Amino acid sequence: MPEIHLAEGDRIEWALNVFKRQMQKSGVFRELRRRRHYVKPSTARQLKSKAAQRNRDRQRKRSQGGNP
């Protein structure tokens, strides 16, 4: 869990921005969005397969000299 230590003269706005940035980097927000709704295992496999297919298509386009 990200942690911010404040000195006596630090501004709260600065601390909140730093905290939000650390939360994003640690992946907490991404995990929260992912767990917001239940996804059946079969649906999760389908989504994962489609994402892999999109990645393969992108890689193939880039290697053929297409626009990214």
Protein backbone atom coordinates (compact mmCIF):
# COMPACT_ATOMS: atom_id res chain seq x y z
CA MET A 1 0.00 0.00 0.00
CA PRO A 2 1.50 3.38 -0.98
CA GLU A 3 2.43 5.69 1.83
CA ILE A 4 3.11 9.43 1.96
CA HIS A 5 4.98 11.08 4.81
CA LEU A 6 4.24 14.76 5.30
CA ALA A 7 6.47 17.37 6.87
CA GLU A 8 5.07 20.29 8.83
CA GLY A 9 4.88 22.71 5.88
CA ASP A 10 3.73 20.33 3.13
CA ARG A 11 0.53 21.13 1.27
CA ILE A 12 -2.36 18.66 1.29
CA GLU A 13 -2.97 19.11 -2.46
CA TRP A 14 0.60 18.06 -3.19
CA ALA A 15 0.29 15.03 -0.91
CA LEU A 16 -2.97 13.94 -2.59
CA ASN A 17 -1.42 14.21 -6.05
CA VAL A 18 1.61 12.19 -5.00
CA PHE A 19 -0.61 9.60 -3.34
CA LYS A 20 -2.82 9.25 -6.46
CA ARG A 21 0.26 8.85 -8.65
CA GLN A 22 1.66 6.12 -6.38
CA MET A 23 -1.72 4.34 -6.35
CA GLN A 24 -1.80 4.34 -10.16
CA LYS A 25 1.77 3.05 -10.40
CA SER A 26 1.08 0.24 -7.95
CA GLY A 27 -1.94 -0.90 -9.99
CA VAL A 28 -4.54 -0.56 -7.24
CA PHE A 29 -7.00 1.36 -9.42
CA ARG A 30 -6.63 -1.12 -12.27
CA GLU A 31 -7.28 -4.03 -9.90
CA LEU A 32 -10.29 -2.24 -8.43
CA ARG A 33 -11.84 -1.74 -11.89
CA ARG A 34 -11.12 -5.35 -12.77
CA ARG A 35 -12.85 -6.65 -9.64
CA ARG A 36 -15.83 -4.31 -9.85
CA HIS A 37 -17.97 -6.92 -11.62
CA TYR A 38 -17.82 -10.69 -11.55
CA VAL A 39 -16.68 -12.26 -14.81
CA LYS A 40 -17.39 -15.93 -15.39
CA PRO A 41 -14.27 -18.02 -16.08
CA SER A 42 -15.49 -18.90 -19.60
CA THR A 43 -16.04 -15.21 -20.40
CA ALA A 44 -12.63 -14.34 -18.96
CA ARG A 45 -11.01 -16.92 -21.26
CA GLN A 46 -12.81 -15.45 -24.26
CA LEU A 47 -11.72 -11.91 -23.37
CA LYS A 48 -8.15 -13.04 -22.86
CA SER A 49 -8.15 -14.88 -26.20
CA LYS A 50 -9.55 -11.85 -28.04
CA ALA A 51 -6.94 -9.57 -26.43
CA ALA A 52 -4.16 -11.94 -27.49
CA GLN A 53 -5.54 -11.97 -31.04
CA ARG A 54 -5.58 -8.16 -31.14
CA ASN A 55 -1.97 -8.09 -29.92
CA ARG A 56 -0.90 -10.59 -32.60
CA ASP A 57 -2.66 -8.52 -35.28
CA ARG A 58 -0.95 -5.33 -34.09
CA GLN A 59 2.45 -7.01 -34.07
CA ARG A 60 1.91 -8.37 -37.57
CA LYS A 61 0.86 -4.91 -38.86
CA ARG A 62 3.93 -3.28 -37.32
CA SER A 63 6.28 -5.87 -38.78
CA GLN A 64 4.75 -5.35 -42.23
CA GLY A 65 5.33 -1.61 -42.04
CA GLY A 66 1.75 -0.49 -41.45
CA ASN A 67 0.83 2.52 -39.38
CA PRO A 68 0.57 1.76 -35.64
